[in-house]
Amino acid sequence: QVQLVESGGGLVQPGGSLRLSCAGSGSIFSIDFMGWYRQPPGKQRELVAGLYSDGRTIYVDAVKGRFTISRENAKNTVSLQMNSLKPEDTAVYYCNLLLQTSSLTAQSNYWGQGTQVTVSS
């Protein structure tokens, strides 16, 4: 079984910062993509930031220059540093790993439990 555990969400004022972390555990053979998604109230889930196995990163335009996705020192851990937060960033944030559990299995998506980020005065 593969499990992703998220941490770091909370309530912050506009202009503040938060750092989200997502730690994967279990049978992980290879990881092809690490990403952070968010789902604002009443809206669809969207990709916010992604990290490919070759080191390339992608960001949705709304967060470029403010958010940074990176691998942490811990194994199979991805983080999202969020600076200059805006009320529009309020959402439930989910981490996602596209991975194989062995060389004989197809790629599968695994999701964290979600963590609430609220930006408000």
C-alpha atoms as a PDB file:
ATOM      1  CA  GLN A   1       0.000   0.000   0.000  1.00  0.00           C
ATOM      2  CA  VAL A   2       1.180   3.521  -0.859  1.00  0.00           C
ATOM      3  CA  GLN A   3       0.200   6.341   1.448  1.00  0.00           C
ATOM      4  CA  LEU A   4       0.693  10.096   1.082  1.00  0.00           C
ATOM      5  CA  VAL A   5       0.507  12.243   4.199  1.00  0.00           C
ATOM      6  CA  GLU A   6       0.199  16.019   3.897  1.00  0.00           C
ATOM      7  CA  SER A   7       1.040  18.654   6.472  1.00  0.00           C
ATOM      8  CA  GLY A   8       1.502  22.413   6.746  1.00  0.00           C
ATOM      9  CA  GLY A   9      -1.901  23.896   5.984  1.00  0.00           C
ATOM     10  CA  GLY A  10      -3.589  26.530   8.095  1.00  0.00           C
ATOM     11  CA  LEU A  11      -4.937  30.066   8.355  1.00  0.00           C
ATOM     12  CA  VAL A  12      -2.738  32.974   7.285  1.00  0.00           C
ATOM     13  CA  GLN A  13      -3.195  36.667   6.563  1.00  0.00           C
ATOM     14  CA  PRO A  14      -2.840  38.064   3.045  1.00  0.00           C
ATOM     15  CA  GLY A  15       0.843  38.454   2.222  1.00  0.00           C
ATOM     16  CA  GLY A  16       1.831  35.634   4.544  1.00  0.00           C
ATOM     17  CA  SER A  17       3.572  32.343   3.802  1.00  0.00           C
ATOM     18  CA  LEU A  18       2.992  28.639   4.293  1.00  0.00           C
ATOM     19  CA  ARG A  19       4.987  25.548   3.425  1.00  0.00           C
ATOM     20  CA  LEU A  20       3.161  22.338   2.570  1.00  0.00           C
ATOM     21  CA  SER A  21       4.833  18.935   2.679  1.00  0.00           C
ATOM     22  CA  CYS A  22       3.766  15.558   1.341  1.00  0.00           C
ATOM     23  CA  ALA A  23       5.540  12.375   2.404  1.00  0.00           C
ATOM     24  CA  GLY A  24       5.060   9.152   0.490  1.00  0.00           C
ATOM     25  CA  SER A  25       5.537   5.735   2.041  1.00  0.00           C
ATOM     26  CA  GLY A  26       5.031   2.107   1.073  1.00  0.00           C
ATOM     27  CA  SER A  27       6.025   0.208  -2.057  1.00  0.00           C
ATOM     28  CA  ILE A  28       7.316   2.891  -4.430  1.00  0.00           C
ATOM     29  CA  PHE A  29       9.457   1.653  -7.318  1.00  0.00           C
ATOM     30  CA  SER A  30       9.669   4.842  -9.367  1.00  0.00           C
ATOM     31  CA  ILE A  31       8.072   8.299  -9.430  1.00  0.00           C
ATOM     32  CA  ASP A  32       7.405   9.999 -12.755  1.00  0.00           C
ATOM     33  CA  PHE A  33       5.622  13.116 -11.501  1.00  0.00           C
ATOM     34  CA  MET A  34       5.009  14.965  -8.256  1.00  0.00           C
ATOM     35  CA  GLY A  35       2.365  17.635  -8.128  1.00  0.00           C
ATOM     36  CA  TRP A  36       0.223  19.901  -6.013  1.00  0.00           C
ATOM     37  CA  TYR A  37      -3.409  20.521  -6.872  1.00  0.00           C
ATOM     38  CA  ARG A  38      -5.964  22.763  -5.224  1.00  0.00           C
ATOM     39  CA  GLN A  39      -9.736  22.973  -5.144  1.00  0.00           C
ATOM     40  CA  PRO A  40     -11.277  26.317  -4.138  1.00  0.00           C
ATOM     41  CA  PRO A  41     -14.812  26.319  -2.715  1.00  0.00           C
ATOM     42  CA  GLY A  42     -17.329  25.565  -5.457  1.00  0.00           C
ATOM     43  CA  LYS A  43     -14.674  25.140  -8.158  1.00  0.00           C
ATOM     44  CA  GLN A  44     -12.888  22.349 -10.002  1.00  0.00           C
ATOM     45  CA  ARG A  45      -9.590  20.894  -8.856  1.00  0.00           C
ATOM     46  CA  GLU A  46      -6.629  22.368 -10.749  1.00  0.00           C
ATOM     47  CA  LEU A  47      -2.932  21.698 -11.044  1.00  0.00           C
ATOM     48  CA  VAL A  48      -0.933  24.360  -9.205  1.00  0.00           C
ATOM     49  CA  ALA A  49       2.647  23.112  -9.504  1.00  0.00           C
ATOM     50  CA  GLY A  50       4.392  20.030 -10.807  1.00  0.00           C
ATOM     51  CA  LEU A  51       7.834  18.454 -10.708  1.00  0.00           C
ATOM     52  CA  TYR A  52       8.926  15.924 -13.315  1.00  0.00           C
ATOM     53  CA  SER A  53      11.503  13.207 -12.768  1.00  0.00           C
ATOM     54  CA  ASP A  54      13.993  15.064 -14.987  1.00  0.00           C
ATOM     55  CA  GLY A  55      13.800  18.127 -12.745  1.00  0.00           C
ATOM     56  CA  ARG A  56      11.482  20.275 -14.858  1.00  0.00           C
ATOM     57  CA  THR A  57       8.855  22.285 -13.024  1.00  0.00           C
ATOM     58  CA  ILE A  58       5.536  23.746 -14.125  1.00  0.00           C
ATOM     59  CA  TYR A  59       3.277  26.315 -12.477  1.00  0.00           C
ATOM     60  CA  VAL A  60      -0.136  27.716 -13.147  1.00  0.00           C
ATOM     61  CA  ASP A  61       0.186  31.377 -14.136  1.00  0.00           C
ATOM     62  CA  ALA A  62      -1.638  32.594 -11.035  1.00  0.00           C
ATOM     63  CA  VAL A  63       1.146  31.384  -8.708  1.00  0.00           C
ATOM     64  CA  LYS A  64       4.294  31.952 -10.769  1.00  0.00           C
ATOM     65  CA  GLY A  65       6.854  33.905  -8.790  1.00  0.00           C
ATOM     66  CA  ARG A  66       5.076  33.182  -5.504  1.00  0.00           C
ATOM     67  CA  PHE A  67       5.018  29.369  -5.167  1.00  0.00           C
ATOM     68  CA  THR A  68       7.931  26.937  -5.435  1.00  0.00           C
ATOM     69  CA  ILE A  69       7.718  23.152  -5.692  1.00  0.00           C
ATOM     70  CA  SER A  70      10.722  21.076  -4.676  1.00  0.00           C
ATOM     71  CA  ARG A  71      11.892  17.763  -3.343  1.00  0.00           C
ATOM     72  CA  GLU A  72      12.820  17.711   0.310  1.00  0.00           C
ATOM     73  CA  ASN A  73      15.764  15.802   1.765  1.00  0.00           C
ATOM     74  CA  ALA A  74      13.445  13.075   3.027  1.00  0.00           C
ATOM     75  CA  LYS A  75      12.796  10.236   0.610  1.00  0.00           C
ATOM     76  CA  ASN A  76       9.698  10.544  -1.579  1.00  0.00           C
ATOM     77  CA  THR A  77       8.781  13.909  -0.102  1.00  0.00           C
ATOM     78  CA  VAL A  78       7.606  16.942  -2.072  1.00  0.00           C
ATOM     79  CA  SER A  79       7.009  20.426  -0.708  1.00  0.00           C
ATOM     80  CA  LEU A  80       5.221  23.569  -1.840  1.00  0.00           C
ATOM     81  CA  GLN A  81       6.524  26.888  -0.533  1.00  0.00           C
ATOM     82  CA  MET A  82       3.777  29.501  -0.808  1.00  0.00           C
ATOM     83  CA  ASN A  83       4.690  33.167  -0.405  1.00  0.00           C
ATOM     84  CA  SER A  84       2.732  36.407  -0.810  1.00  0.00           C
ATOM     85  CA  LEU A  85      -0.498  34.534  -0.297  1.00  0.00           C
ATOM     86  CA  LYS A  86      -3.746  36.030  -1.548  1.00  0.00           C
ATOM     87  CA  PRO A  87      -7.368  35.341  -0.593  1.00  0.00           C
ATOM     88  CA  GLU A  88      -7.761  33.732  -4.029  1.00  0.00           C
ATOM     89  CA  ASP A  89      -5.308  31.037  -2.922  1.00  0.00           C
ATOM     90  CA  THR A  90      -7.829  29.736  -0.384  1.00  0.00           C
ATOM     91  CA  ALA A  91      -8.509  26.092  -1.200  1.00  0.00           C
ATOM     92  CA  VAL A  92      -8.000  22.514  -0.164  1.00  0.00           C
ATOM     93  CA  TYR A  93      -4.554  21.503  -1.415  1.00  0.00           C
ATOM     94  CA  TYR A  94      -3.809  17.940  -2.492  1.00  0.00           C
ATOM     95  CA  CYS A  95      -0.484  16.349  -3.321  1.00  0.00           C
ATOM     96  CA  ASN A  96      -0.276  13.810  -6.118  1.00  0.00           C
ATOM     97  CA  LEU A  97       2.320  11.240  -7.128  1.00  0.00           C
ATOM     98  CA  LEU A  98       2.334   9.395 -10.440  1.00  0.00           C
ATOM     99  CA  LEU A  99       4.303   6.250  -9.693  1.00  0.00           C
ATOM    100  CA  GLN A 100       4.906   2.563 -10.174  1.00  0.00           C
ATOM    101  CA  THR A 101       4.890   0.149  -7.256  1.00  0.00           C
ATOM    102  CA  SER A 102       7.102  -2.286  -9.210  1.00  0.00           C
ATOM    103  CA  SER A 103       8.702  -2.639 -12.630  1.00  0.00           C
ATOM    104  CA  LEU A 104       5.807  -4.880 -13.683  1.00  0.00           C
ATOM    105  CA  THR A 105       2.977  -2.497 -12.854  1.00  0.00           C
ATOM    106  CA  ALA A 106       1.485   0.409 -14.768  1.00  0.00           C
ATOM    107  CA  GLN A 107       1.655   3.972 -13.525  1.00  0.00           C
ATOM    108  CA  SER A 108      -0.958   4.902 -10.954  1.00  0.00           C
ATOM    109  CA  ASN A 109      -2.000   8.150  -9.312  1.00  0.00           C
ATOM    110  CA  TYR A 110      -1.901   8.467  -5.545  1.00  0.00           C
ATOM    111  CA  TRP A 111      -3.376  11.355  -3.597  1.00  0.00           C
ATOM    112  CA  GLY A 112      -2.864  12.895  -0.210  1.00  0.00           C
ATOM    113  CA  GLN A 113      -5.755  13.461   2.154  1.00  0.00           C
ATOM    114  CA  GLY A 114      -5.933  17.193   1.437  1.00  0.00           C
ATOM    115  CA  THR A 115      -5.058  20.113   3.677  1.00  0.00           C
ATOM    116  CA  GLN A 116      -6.983  23.368   4.065  1.00  0.00           C
ATOM    117  CA  VAL A 117      -5.254  26.651   3.264  1.00  0.00           C
ATOM    118  CA  THR A 118      -7.227  29.752   4.200  1.00  0.00           C
ATOM    119  CA  VAL A 119      -5.961  33.256   3.430  1.00  0.00           C
ATOM    120  CA  SER A 120      -8.011  35.860   5.278  1.00  0.00           C
ATOM    121  CA  SER A 121      -7.752  38.833   7.608  1.00  0.00           C
END
